[in-house]
Amino acid sequence: AMWGDDETSDNSYALPSLTFSTEVASEVASLTTDINTYAEEMCLKYITGAEPLSSFDSFQAQIETLGMSRLLELYQQTYDALLAKQR
């Protein structure tokens, strides 16, 4: 019930729906595409053993290079703006 959308749900665990401006949405889409593509490829390699788990640190570094910090920053800014509007 905590995660449901029925009348028994208190929605205390529900995540807000974020709406990005056109410019931010474009950047989020670009960053998300690159990061998700790389992550999916690497997950498959880790699962199949094509890539050793010892290379996980370089995986994390590459995710950072692809713009993970910027993506998180954009989400945080949009979330902060949402909270400011609700006050």
PDB file of N, CA and C in Angstrom:
ATOM      1  N   ALA A   1       0.815  -1.196   0.000  1.00  0.00           N
ATOM      2  CA  ALA A   1       0.000   0.000   0.000  1.00  0.00           C
ATOM      3  C   ALA A   1       0.861   1.263   0.000  1.00  0.00           C
ATOM      4  N   MET A   2       2.092   1.174   0.542  1.00  0.00           N
ATOM      5  CA  MET A   2       2.940   2.369   0.583  1.00  0.00           C
ATOM      6  C   MET A   2       3.254   2.884  -0.820  1.00  0.00           C
ATOM      7  N   TRP A   3       3.377   1.984  -1.784  1.00  0.00           N
ATOM      8  CA  TRP A   3       3.776   2.383  -3.133  1.00  0.00           C
ATOM      9  C   TRP A   3       2.589   2.485  -4.073  1.00  0.00           C
ATOM     10  N   GLY A   4       1.441   2.075  -3.639  1.00  0.00           N
ATOM     11  CA  GLY A   4       0.278   2.054  -4.513  1.00  0.00           C
ATOM     12  C   GLY A   4      -0.330   3.419  -4.722  1.00  0.00           C
ATOM     13  N   ASP A   5      -1.252   3.462  -5.665  1.00  0.00           N
ATOM     14  CA  ASP A   5      -1.923   4.729  -5.933  1.00  0.00           C
ATOM     15  C   ASP A   5      -3.401   4.640  -5.553  1.00  0.00           C
ATOM     16  N   ASP A   6      -3.730   3.715  -4.683  1.00  0.00           N
ATOM     17  CA  ASP A   6      -5.114   3.604  -4.244  1.00  0.00           C
ATOM     18  C   ASP A   6      -5.334   4.399  -2.955  1.00  0.00           C
ATOM     19  N   GLU A   7      -6.561   4.369  -2.461  1.00  0.00           N
ATOM     20  CA  GLU A   7      -6.901   5.187  -1.290  1.00  0.00           C
ATOM     21  C   GLU A   7      -6.226   4.729  -0.001  1.00  0.00           C
ATOM     22  N   THR A   8      -5.670   3.510   0.034  1.00  0.00           N
ATOM     23  CA  THR A   8      -4.987   3.047   1.245  1.00  0.00           C
ATOM     24  C   THR A   8      -3.532   3.512   1.297  1.00  0.00           C
ATOM     25  N   SER A   9      -3.055   4.105   0.238  1.00  0.00           N
ATOM     26  CA  SER A   9      -1.670   4.553   0.171  1.00  0.00           C
ATOM     27  C   SER A   9      -1.528   5.926   0.816  1.00  0.00           C
ATOM     28  N   ASP A  10      -0.495   6.077   1.636  1.00  0.00           N
ATOM     29  CA  ASP A  10      -0.269   7.385   2.248  1.00  0.00           C
ATOM     30  C   ASP A  10       0.689   8.238   1.403  1.00  0.00           C
ATOM     31  N   ASN A  11       1.222   7.679   0.337  1.00  0.00           N
ATOM     32  CA  ASN A  11       2.119   8.366  -0.596  1.00  0.00           C
ATOM     33  C   ASN A  11       3.385   8.924   0.048  1.00  0.00           C
ATOM     34  N   SER A  12       3.724   8.481   1.243  1.00  0.00           N
ATOM     35  CA  SER A  12       4.920   9.004   1.898  1.00  0.00           C
ATOM     36  C   SER A  12       6.197   8.548   1.195  1.00  0.00           C
ATOM     37  N   TYR A  13       6.101   7.522   0.373  1.00  0.00           N
ATOM     38  CA  TYR A  13       7.264   7.030  -0.356  1.00  0.00           C
ATOM     39  C   TYR A  13       7.200   7.373  -1.839  1.00  0.00           C
ATOM     40  N   ALA A  14       6.209   8.120  -2.241  1.00  0.00           N
ATOM     41  CA  ALA A  14       6.045   8.465  -3.648  1.00  0.00           C
ATOM     42  C   ALA A  14       7.059   9.531  -4.047  1.00  0.00           C
ATOM     43  N   LEU A  15       7.652   9.350  -5.201  1.00  0.00           N
ATOM     44  CA  LEU A  15       8.581  10.334  -5.721  1.00  0.00           C
ATOM     45  C   LEU A  15       7.814  11.385  -6.508  1.00  0.00           C
ATOM     46  N   PRO A  16       8.219  12.639  -6.409  1.00  0.00           N
ATOM     47  CA  PRO A  16       7.516  13.675  -7.157  1.00  0.00           C
ATOM     48  C   PRO A  16       7.787  13.545  -8.654  1.00  0.00           C
ATOM     49  N   SER A  17       6.868  14.013  -9.427  1.00  0.00           N
ATOM     50  CA  SER A  17       7.026  14.041 -10.872  1.00  0.00           C
ATOM     51  C   SER A  17       7.736  15.336 -11.240  1.00  0.00           C
ATOM     52  N   LEU A  18       8.916  15.215 -11.836  1.00  0.00           N
ATOM     53  CA  LEU A  18       9.688  16.399 -12.181  1.00  0.00           C
ATOM     54  C   LEU A  18       9.422  16.795 -13.625  1.00  0.00           C
ATOM     55  N   THR A  19       9.307  18.095 -13.858  1.00  0.00           N
ATOM     56  CA  THR A  19       9.123  18.621 -15.197  1.00  0.00           C
ATOM     57  C   THR A  19      10.300  19.528 -15.510  1.00  0.00           C
ATOM     58  N   PHE A  20      11.052  19.144 -16.520  1.00  0.00           N
ATOM     59  CA  PHE A  20      12.229  19.913 -16.917  1.00  0.00           C
ATOM     60  C   PHE A  20      11.854  20.949 -17.965  1.00  0.00           C
ATOM     61  N   SER A  21      12.576  22.062 -17.970  1.00  0.00           N
ATOM     62  CA  SER A  21      12.418  23.032 -19.058  1.00  0.00           C
ATOM     63  C   SER A  21      12.915  22.365 -20.340  1.00  0.00           C
ATOM     64  N   THR A  22      12.580  22.931 -21.469  1.00  0.00           N
ATOM     65  CA  THR A  22      12.964  22.344 -22.753  1.00  0.00           C
ATOM     66  C   THR A  22      14.473  22.183 -22.865  1.00  0.00           C
ATOM     67  N   GLU A  23      15.194  23.225 -22.468  1.00  0.00           N
ATOM     68  CA  GLU A  23      16.657  23.188 -22.549  1.00  0.00           C
ATOM     69  C   GLU A  23      17.243  22.119 -21.627  1.00  0.00           C
ATOM     70  N   VAL A  24      16.763  22.076 -20.402  1.00  0.00           N
ATOM     71  CA  VAL A  24      17.259  21.099 -19.430  1.00  0.00           C
ATOM     72  C   VAL A  24      16.856  19.688 -19.856  1.00  0.00           C
ATOM     73  N   ALA A  25      15.652  19.523 -20.353  1.00  0.00           N
ATOM     74  CA  ALA A  25      15.188  18.208 -20.796  1.00  0.00           C
ATOM     75  C   ALA A  25      16.078  17.654 -21.905  1.00  0.00           C
ATOM     76  N   SER A  26      16.510  18.509 -22.783  1.00  0.00           N
ATOM     77  CA  SER A  26      17.389  18.090 -23.868  1.00  0.00           C
ATOM     78  C   SER A  26      18.730  17.600 -23.326  1.00  0.00           C
ATOM     79  N   GLU A  27      19.283  18.342 -22.374  1.00  0.00           N
ATOM     80  CA  GLU A  27      20.553  17.939 -21.769  1.00  0.00           C
ATOM     81  C   GLU A  27      20.393  16.654 -20.960  1.00  0.00           C
ATOM     82  N   VAL A  28      19.311  16.555 -20.203  1.00  0.00           N
ATOM     83  CA  VAL A  28      19.045  15.336 -19.420  1.00  0.00           C
ATOM     84  C   VAL A  28      18.922  14.135 -20.345  1.00  0.00           C
ATOM     85  N   ALA A  29      18.210  14.295 -21.443  1.00  0.00           N
ATOM     86  CA  ALA A  29      18.029  13.186 -22.390  1.00  0.00           C
ATOM     87  C   ALA A  29      19.361  12.738 -22.979  1.00  0.00           C
ATOM     88  N   SER A  30      20.185  13.682 -23.347  1.00  0.00           N
ATOM     89  CA  SER A  30      21.488  13.355 -23.921  1.00  0.00           C
ATOM     90  C   SER A  30      22.375  12.622 -22.921  1.00  0.00           C
ATOM     91  N   LEU A  31      22.471  13.174 -21.721  1.00  0.00           N
ATOM     92  CA  LEU A  31      23.287  12.547 -20.679  1.00  0.00           C
ATOM     93  C   LEU A  31      22.753  11.164 -20.315  1.00  0.00           C
ATOM     94  N   THR A  32      21.448  11.062 -20.152  1.00  0.00           N
ATOM     95  CA  THR A  32      20.828   9.792 -19.771  1.00  0.00           C
ATOM     96  C   THR A  32      21.066   8.722 -20.832  1.00  0.00           C
ATOM     97  N   THR A  33      20.937   9.101 -22.084  1.00  0.00           N
ATOM     98  CA  THR A  33      21.150   8.141 -23.166  1.00  0.00           C
ATOM     99  C   THR A  33      22.572   7.595 -23.129  1.00  0.00           C
ATOM    100  N   ASP A  34      23.537   8.483 -23.044  1.00  0.00           N
ATOM    101  CA  ASP A  34      24.938   8.048 -23.027  1.00  0.00           C
ATOM    102  C   ASP A  34      25.253   7.181 -21.811  1.00  0.00           C
ATOM    103  N   ILE A  35      24.814   7.622 -20.649  1.00  0.00           N
ATOM    104  CA  ILE A  35      25.100   6.881 -19.412  1.00  0.00           C
ATOM    105  C   ILE A  35      24.403   5.525 -19.417  1.00  0.00           C
ATOM    106  N   ASN A  36      23.125   5.500 -19.774  1.00  0.00           N
ATOM    107  CA  ASN A  36      22.381   4.236 -19.773  1.00  0.00           C
ATOM    108  C   ASN A  36      22.946   3.247 -20.787  1.00  0.00           C
ATOM    109  N   THR A  37      23.310   3.731 -21.959  1.00  0.00           N
ATOM    110  CA  THR A  37      23.873   2.842 -22.980  1.00  0.00           C
ATOM    111  C   THR A  37      25.153   2.199 -22.479  1.00  0.00           C
ATOM    112  N   TYR A  38      26.038   3.012 -21.940  1.00  0.00           N
ATOM    113  CA  TYR A  38      27.296   2.481 -21.418  1.00  0.00           C
ATOM    114  C   TYR A  38      27.053   1.513 -20.258  1.00  0.00           C
ATOM    115  N   ALA A  39      26.185   1.889 -19.331  1.00  0.00           N
ATOM    116  CA  ALA A  39      25.914   1.048 -18.165  1.00  0.00           C
ATOM    117  C   ALA A  39      25.315  -0.294 -18.583  1.00  0.00           C
ATOM    118  N   GLU A  40      24.384  -0.280 -19.527  1.00  0.00           N
ATOM    119  CA  GLU A  40      23.772  -1.533 -19.989  1.00  0.00           C
ATOM    120  C   GLU A  40      24.803  -2.431 -20.660  1.00  0.00           C
ATOM    121  N   GLU A  41      25.660  -1.840 -21.486  1.00  0.00           N
ATOM    122  CA  GLU A  41      26.708  -2.626 -22.139  1.00  0.00           C
ATOM    123  C   GLU A  41      27.640  -3.256 -21.118  1.00  0.00           C
ATOM    124  N   MET A  42      28.048  -2.468 -20.134  1.00  0.00           N
ATOM    125  CA  MET A  42      28.977  -2.975 -19.129  1.00  0.00           C
ATOM    126  C   MET A  42      28.325  -4.005 -18.210  1.00  0.00           C
ATOM    127  N   CYS A  43      27.066  -3.808 -17.866  1.00  0.00           N
ATOM    128  CA  CYS A  43      26.375  -4.802 -17.035  1.00  0.00           C
ATOM    129  C   CYS A  43      26.373  -6.157 -17.725  1.00  0.00           C
ATOM    130  N   LEU A  44      26.086  -6.165 -18.999  1.00  0.00           N
ATOM    131  CA  LEU A  44      26.091  -7.413 -19.756  1.00  0.00           C
ATOM    132  C   LEU A  44      27.487  -8.035 -19.753  1.00  0.00           C
ATOM    133  N   LYS A  45      28.503  -7.215 -19.914  1.00  0.00           N
ATOM    134  CA  LYS A  45      29.873  -7.726 -19.899  1.00  0.00           C
ATOM    135  C   LYS A  45      30.234  -8.295 -18.532  1.00  0.00           C
ATOM    136  N   TYR A  46      29.802  -7.623 -17.471  1.00  0.00           N
ATOM    137  CA  TYR A  46      30.078  -8.139 -16.124  1.00  0.00           C
ATOM    138  C   TYR A  46      29.341  -9.454 -15.884  1.00  0.00           C
ATOM    139  N   ILE A  47      28.104  -9.530 -16.320  1.00  0.00           N
ATOM    140  CA  ILE A  47      27.301 -10.743 -16.119  1.00  0.00           C
ATOM    141  C   ILE A  47      27.884 -11.926 -16.884  1.00  0.00           C
ATOM    142  N   THR A  48      28.297 -11.683 -18.120  1.00  0.00           N
ATOM    143  CA  THR A  48      28.821 -12.778 -18.953  1.00  0.00           C
ATOM    144  C   THR A  48      30.274 -13.098 -18.656  1.00  0.00           C
ATOM    145  N   GLY A  49      30.925 -12.266 -17.888  1.00  0.00           N
ATOM    146  CA  GLY A  49      32.328 -12.495 -17.567  1.00  0.00           C
ATOM    147  C   GLY A  49      33.288 -11.933 -18.599  1.00  0.00           C
ATOM    148  N   ALA A  50      32.769 -11.224 -19.594  1.00  0.00           N
ATOM    149  CA  ALA A  50      33.627 -10.613 -20.614  1.00  0.00           C
ATOM    150  C   ALA A  50      34.471  -9.489 -20.019  1.00  0.00           C
ATOM    151  N   GLU A  51      34.008  -8.942 -18.927  1.00  0.00           N
ATOM    152  CA  GLU A  51      34.733  -7.866 -18.231  1.00  0.00           C
ATOM    153  C   GLU A  51      34.878  -8.293 -16.771  1.00  0.00           C
ATOM    154  N   PRO A  52      36.088  -8.255 -16.218  1.00  0.00           N
ATOM    155  CA  PRO A  52      36.256  -8.657 -14.814  1.00  0.00           C
ATOM    156  C   PRO A  52      35.705  -7.592 -13.866  1.00  0.00           C
ATOM    157  N   LEU A  53      35.198  -8.037 -12.739  1.00  0.00           N
ATOM    158  CA  LEU A  53      34.690  -7.101 -11.741  1.00  0.00           C
ATOM    159  C   LEU A  53      35.783  -6.196 -11.181  1.00  0.00           C
ATOM    160  N   SER A  54      37.006  -6.587 -11.361  1.00  0.00           N
ATOM    161  CA  SER A  54      38.112  -5.755 -10.891  1.00  0.00           C
ATOM    162  C   SER A  54      38.193  -4.429 -11.661  1.00  0.00           C
ATOM    163  N   SER A  55      37.487  -4.339 -12.784  1.00  0.00           N
ATOM    164  CA  SER A  55      37.490  -3.092 -13.563  1.00  0.00           C
ATOM    165  C   SER A  55      36.338  -2.161 -13.176  1.00  0.00           C
ATOM    166  N   PHE A  56      35.650  -2.467 -12.078  1.00  0.00           N
ATOM    167  CA  PHE A  56      34.484  -1.673 -11.688  1.00  0.00           C
ATOM    168  C   PHE A  56      34.847  -0.219 -11.390  1.00  0.00           C
ATOM    169  N   ASP A  57      36.024   0.012 -10.849  1.00  0.00           N
ATOM    170  CA  ASP A  57      36.444   1.391 -10.579  1.00  0.00           C
ATOM    171  C   ASP A  57      36.544   2.197 -11.870  1.00  0.00           C
ATOM    172  N   SER A  58      37.033   1.577 -12.929  1.00  0.00           N
ATOM    173  CA  SER A  58      37.114   2.290 -14.205  1.00  0.00           C
ATOM    174  C   SER A  58      35.728   2.494 -14.804  1.00  0.00           C
ATOM    175  N   PHE A  59      34.814   1.571 -14.520  1.00  0.00           N
ATOM    176  CA  PHE A  59      33.418   1.740 -14.945  1.00  0.00           C
ATOM    177  C   PHE A  59      32.836   2.987 -14.283  1.00  0.00           C
ATOM    178  N   GLN A  60      33.038   3.114 -12.982  1.00  0.00           N
ATOM    179  CA  GLN A  60      32.539   4.278 -12.257  1.00  0.00           C
ATOM    180  C   GLN A  60      33.166   5.572 -12.773  1.00  0.00           C
ATOM    181  N   ALA A  61      34.444   5.527 -13.068  1.00  0.00           N
ATOM    182  CA  ALA A  61      35.131   6.711 -13.586  1.00  0.00           C
ATOM    183  C   ALA A  61      34.567   7.105 -14.953  1.00  0.00           C
ATOM    184  N   GLN A  62      34.269   6.120 -15.784  1.00  0.00           N
ATOM    185  CA  GLN A  62      33.719   6.407 -17.103  1.00  0.00           C
ATOM    186  C   GLN A  62      32.311   6.991 -17.002  1.00  0.00           C
ATOM    187  N   ILE A  63      31.506   6.475 -16.078  1.00  0.00           N
ATOM    188  CA  ILE A  63      30.165   7.019 -15.848  1.00  0.00           C
ATOM    189  C   ILE A  63      30.286   8.500 -15.448  1.00  0.00           C
ATOM    190  N   GLU A  64      31.265   8.804 -14.628  1.00  0.00           N
ATOM    191  CA  GLU A  64      31.494  10.193 -14.214  1.00  0.00           C
ATOM    192  C   GLU A  64      31.915  11.039 -15.414  1.00  0.00           C
ATOM    193  N   THR A  65      32.781  10.492 -16.248  1.00  0.00           N
ATOM    194  CA  THR A  65      33.229  11.190 -17.455  1.00  0.00           C
ATOM    195  C   THR A  65      32.068  11.469 -18.401  1.00  0.00           C
ATOM    196  N   LEU A  66      31.105  10.571 -18.436  1.00  0.00           N
ATOM    197  CA  LEU A  66      29.942  10.728 -19.308  1.00  0.00           C
ATOM    198  C   LEU A  66      28.955  11.774 -18.793  1.00  0.00           C
ATOM    199  N   GLY A  67      29.176  12.276 -17.569  1.00  0.00           N
ATOM    200  CA  GLY A  67      28.357  13.378 -17.079  1.00  0.00           C
ATOM    201  C   GLY A  67      27.396  13.062 -15.955  1.00  0.00           C
ATOM    202  N   MET A  68      27.670  12.040 -15.173  1.00  0.00           N
ATOM    203  CA  MET A  68      26.759  11.679 -14.086  1.00  0.00           C
ATOM    204  C   MET A  68      26.592  12.817 -13.079  1.00  0.00           C
ATOM    205  N   SER A  69      27.665  13.499 -12.732  1.00  0.00           N
ATOM    206  CA  SER A  69      27.545  14.611 -11.773  1.00  0.00           C
ATOM    207  C   SER A  69      26.648  15.706 -12.319  1.00  0.00           C
ATOM    208  N   ARG A  70      26.787  16.014 -13.584  1.00  0.00           N
ATOM    209  CA  ARG A  70      25.945  17.040 -14.207  1.00  0.00           C
ATOM    210  C   ARG A  70      24.489  16.586 -14.226  1.00  0.00           C
ATOM    211  N   LEU A  71      24.249  15.331 -14.524  1.00  0.00           N
ATOM    212  CA  LEU A  71      22.882  14.805 -14.540  1.00  0.00           C
ATOM    213  C   LEU A  71      22.246  14.914 -13.155  1.00  0.00           C
ATOM    214  N   LEU A  72      22.975  14.530 -12.141  1.00  0.00           N
ATOM    215  CA  LEU A  72      22.467  14.644 -10.770  1.00  0.00           C
ATOM    216  C   LEU A  72      22.228  16.102 -10.391  1.00  0.00           C
ATOM    217  N   GLU A  73      23.097  16.977 -10.848  1.00  0.00           N
ATOM    218  CA  GLU A  73      22.941  18.411 -10.584  1.00  0.00           C
ATOM    219  C   GLU A  73      21.644  18.941 -11.213  1.00  0.00           C
ATOM    220  N   LEU A  74      21.358  18.536 -12.440  1.00  0.00           N
ATOM    221  CA  LEU A  74      20.137  18.979 -13.122  1.00  0.00           C
ATOM    222  C   LEU A  74      18.890  18.473 -12.396  1.00  0.00           C
ATOM    223  N   TYR A  75      18.921  17.218 -11.972  1.00  0.00           N
ATOM    224  CA  TYR A  75      17.788  16.679 -11.216  1.00  0.00           C
ATOM    225  C   TYR A  75      17.619  17.422  -9.893  1.00  0.00           C
ATOM    226  N   GLN A  76      18.728  17.692  -9.204  1.00  0.00           N
ATOM    227  CA  GLN A  76      18.652  18.375  -7.910  1.00  0.00           C
ATOM    228  C   GLN A  76      18.104  19.784  -8.069  1.00  0.00           C
ATOM    229  N   GLN A  77      18.567  20.507  -9.086  1.00  0.00           N
ATOM    230  CA  GLN A  77      18.074  21.859  -9.327  1.00  0.00           C
ATOM    231  C   GLN A  77      16.577  21.855  -9.609  1.00  0.00           C
ATOM    232  N   THR A  78      16.131  20.908 -10.409  1.00  0.00           N
ATOM    233  CA  THR A  78      14.713  20.833 -10.746  1.00  0.00           C
ATOM    234  C   THR A  78      13.885  20.450  -9.523  1.00  0.00           C
ATOM    235  N   TYR A  79      14.395  19.541  -8.709  1.00  0.00           N
ATOM    236  CA  TYR A  79      13.707  19.146  -7.490  1.00  0.00           C
ATOM    237  C   TYR A  79      13.637  20.312  -6.505  1.00  0.00           C
ATOM    238  N   ASP A  80      14.746  21.032  -6.352  1.00  0.00           N
ATOM    239  CA  ASP A  80      14.763  22.188  -5.456  1.00  0.00           C
ATOM    240  C   ASP A  80      13.750  23.244  -5.902  1.00  0.00           C
ATOM    241  N   ALA A  81      13.650  23.461  -7.221  1.00  0.00           N
ATOM    242  CA  ALA A  81      12.690  24.422  -7.755  1.00  0.00           C
ATOM    243  C   ALA A  81      11.260  23.968  -7.465  1.00  0.00           C
ATOM    244  N   LEU A  82      11.006  22.677  -7.565  1.00  0.00           N
ATOM    245  CA  LEU A  82       9.693  22.128  -7.260  1.00  0.00           C
ATOM    246  C   LEU A  82       9.342  22.371  -5.785  1.00  0.00           C
ATOM    247  N   LEU A  83      10.287  22.102  -4.904  1.00  0.00           N
ATOM    248  CA  LEU A  83      10.048  22.317  -3.473  1.00  0.00           C
ATOM    249  C   LEU A  83       9.792  23.787  -3.172  1.00  0.00           C
ATOM    250  N   ALA A  84      10.531  24.666  -3.830  1.00  0.00           N
ATOM    251  CA  ALA A  84      10.340  26.105  -3.613  1.00  0.00           C
ATOM    252  C   ALA A  84       8.954  26.545  -4.023  1.00  0.00           C
ATOM    253  N   LYS A  85       8.411  25.974  -5.078  1.00  0.00           N
ATOM    254  CA  LYS A  85       7.066  26.314  -5.537  1.00  0.00           C
ATOM    255  C   LYS A  85       5.985  25.825  -4.570  1.00  0.00           C
ATOM    256  N   GLN A  86       6.264  24.717  -3.888  1.00  0.00           N
ATOM    257  CA  GLN A  86       5.274  24.122  -2.994  1.00  0.00           C
ATOM    258  C   GLN A  86       5.210  24.841  -1.652  1.00  0.00           C
ATOM    259  N   ARG A  87       6.145  25.685  -1.367  1.00  0.00           N
ATOM    260  CA  ARG A  87       6.169  26.376  -0.064  1.00  0.00           C
ATOM    261  C   ARG A  87       5.340  27.608  -0.061  1.00  0.00           C
TER     262      ARG A  87
END
